[in-house]
Amino acid sequence: MTAERVLDVTRKLTHMSYFGLLAVLIANSIVQGAPWIFYLWPIPLMIFIPGLLRDNTRTLIWLCFVVLLYFYMAIDNLAGSRAHLLDHAELVLTVILFTSAMIWARCKQKLGL
């Protein structure tokens, strides 16, 4: 597989997992009947929308740091007594997002884009 093809696949995978994670975070708050403050939980992720849409490499790198916090929270939720199916989805999406964003950033650096 060529570097350009990897770049294209990881870009699409990053966008799908990113917006999927935002949807799961909001749905998880609604389903579990969380207080209003938990609806603010996706806001740190939403900060990266403009950079992602412009394919900014620095945004990808910072996104990976922030996604690690969401990974930690997904693990914490799964370790609790009331683990929900959406908590599993959150964990899977954070792993996919972190991996694909890192590969995408590395390929962009390798190609000099």
Protein backbone atom coordinates (compact mmCIF):
# COMPACT_ATOMS: atom_id res chain seq x y z
CA MET A 1 0.00 0.00 0.00
CA THR A 2 1.39 3.36 -0.97
CA ALA A 3 1.86 6.20 1.50
CA GLU A 4 -0.79 8.25 -0.30
CA ARG A 5 -3.31 5.43 0.07
CA VAL A 6 -2.48 5.05 3.78
CA LEU A 7 -2.88 8.80 4.17
CA ASP A 8 -6.32 8.70 2.55
CA VAL A 9 -7.55 5.69 4.55
CA THR A 10 -6.33 7.01 7.89
CA ARG A 11 -7.82 10.44 7.16
CA LYS A 12 -11.25 8.92 6.56
CA LEU A 13 -10.93 6.61 9.55
CA THR A 14 -9.89 9.50 11.78
CA HIS A 15 -12.86 11.61 10.72
CA MET A 16 -15.33 8.74 11.14
CA SER A 17 -14.05 7.74 14.57
CA TYR A 18 -13.82 11.38 15.71
CA PHE A 19 -17.41 12.25 14.87
CA GLY A 20 -18.54 8.82 16.07
CA LEU A 21 -16.88 9.45 19.43
CA LEU A 22 -18.63 12.81 19.72
CA ALA A 23 -21.97 11.14 19.01
CA VAL A 24 -21.33 8.33 21.49
CA LEU A 25 -20.32 10.77 24.23
CA ILE A 26 -23.53 12.74 23.78
CA ALA A 27 -25.69 9.61 23.48
CA ASN A 28 -24.07 8.09 26.57
CA SER A 29 -24.97 11.17 28.63
CA ILE A 30 -28.55 11.09 27.38
CA VAL A 31 -29.06 7.35 27.91
CA GLN A 32 -27.61 7.32 31.40
CA GLY A 33 -29.60 10.39 32.43
CA ALA A 34 -26.53 12.34 33.47
CA PRO A 35 -26.75 15.82 35.01
CA TRP A 36 -26.41 18.77 32.62
CA ILE A 37 -22.72 19.27 33.40
CA PHE A 38 -21.87 15.96 31.69
CA TYR A 39 -23.19 17.31 28.40
CA LEU A 40 -20.15 19.61 28.38
CA TRP A 41 -17.79 16.60 28.32
CA PRO A 42 -17.44 16.58 24.47
CA ILE A 43 -16.49 20.29 24.27
CA PRO A 44 -12.70 19.72 24.55
CA LEU A 45 -12.96 17.42 21.53
CA MET A 46 -15.00 19.93 19.55
CA ILE A 47 -12.15 22.43 19.73
CA PHE A 48 -10.30 20.30 17.16
CA ILE A 49 -13.01 20.40 14.46
CA PRO A 50 -11.54 23.34 12.45
CA GLY A 51 -8.03 21.86 12.48
CA LEU A 52 -9.29 18.43 11.46
CA LEU A 53 -11.26 19.84 8.56
CA ARG A 54 -8.12 21.70 7.39
CA ASP A 55 -5.95 18.58 7.83
CA ASN A 56 -3.58 20.35 10.22
CA THR A 57 -0.81 18.03 11.47
CA ARG A 58 -0.36 19.89 14.75
CA THR A 59 -4.08 19.46 15.45
CA LEU A 60 -3.73 15.71 14.94
CA ILE A 61 -0.88 15.51 17.42
CA TRP A 62 -2.74 17.50 20.08
CA LEU A 63 -5.89 15.51 19.42
CA CYS A 64 -4.03 12.34 20.31
CA PHE A 65 -3.04 13.79 23.68
CA VAL A 66 -6.62 14.76 24.46
CA VAL A 67 -8.02 11.43 23.28
CA LEU A 68 -5.90 9.72 25.93
CA LEU A 69 -8.04 11.44 28.58
CA TYR A 70 -11.19 10.05 26.98
CA PHE A 71 -9.54 6.62 26.84
CA TYR A 72 -8.86 6.84 30.57
CA MET A 73 -12.48 7.80 31.28
CA ALA A 74 -13.77 4.94 29.12
CA ILE A 75 -11.62 2.47 31.05
CA ASP A 76 -12.83 3.98 34.33
CA ASN A 77 -16.47 3.68 33.23
CA LEU A 78 -15.98 0.07 32.17
CA ALA A 79 -14.37 -0.80 35.50
CA GLY A 80 -17.42 0.53 37.35
CA SER A 81 -20.42 -1.52 38.35
CA ARG A 82 -22.75 0.10 35.78
CA ALA A 83 -20.85 -0.41 32.53
CA HIS A 84 -23.01 0.31 29.50
CA LEU A 85 -22.72 -0.78 25.87
CA LEU A 86 -21.93 2.82 24.91
CA ASP A 87 -18.93 2.72 27.27
CA HIS A 88 -17.56 -0.16 25.19
CA ALA A 89 -18.19 1.83 22.01
CA GLU A 90 -16.40 4.82 23.54
CA LEU A 91 -13.35 2.69 24.32
CA VAL A 92 -13.20 1.20 20.83
CA LEU A 93 -13.61 4.60 19.16
CA THR A 94 -10.88 6.20 21.28
CA VAL A 95 -8.44 3.43 20.35
CA ILE A 96 -9.30 3.72 16.65
CA LEU A 97 -9.11 7.52 16.76
CA PHE A 98 -5.76 7.58 18.52
CA THR A 99 -4.20 4.98 16.22
CA SER A 100 -5.51 6.39 12.95
CA ALA A 101 -4.67 10.01 13.87
CA MET A 102 -1.09 9.06 14.78
CA ILE A 103 -0.60 7.11 11.56
CA TRP A 104 -2.14 9.96 9.57
CA ALA A 105 0.16 12.52 11.22
CA ARG A 106 3.22 10.34 10.64
CA CYS A 107 2.38 9.77 6.96
CA LYS A 108 1.83 13.50 6.46
CA GLN A 109 5.24 14.20 7.98
CA LYS A 110 6.87 11.49 5.90
CA LEU A 111 5.39 12.88 2.68
CA GLY A 112 6.25 16.44 3.66
CA LEU A 113 2.66 17.69 3.56
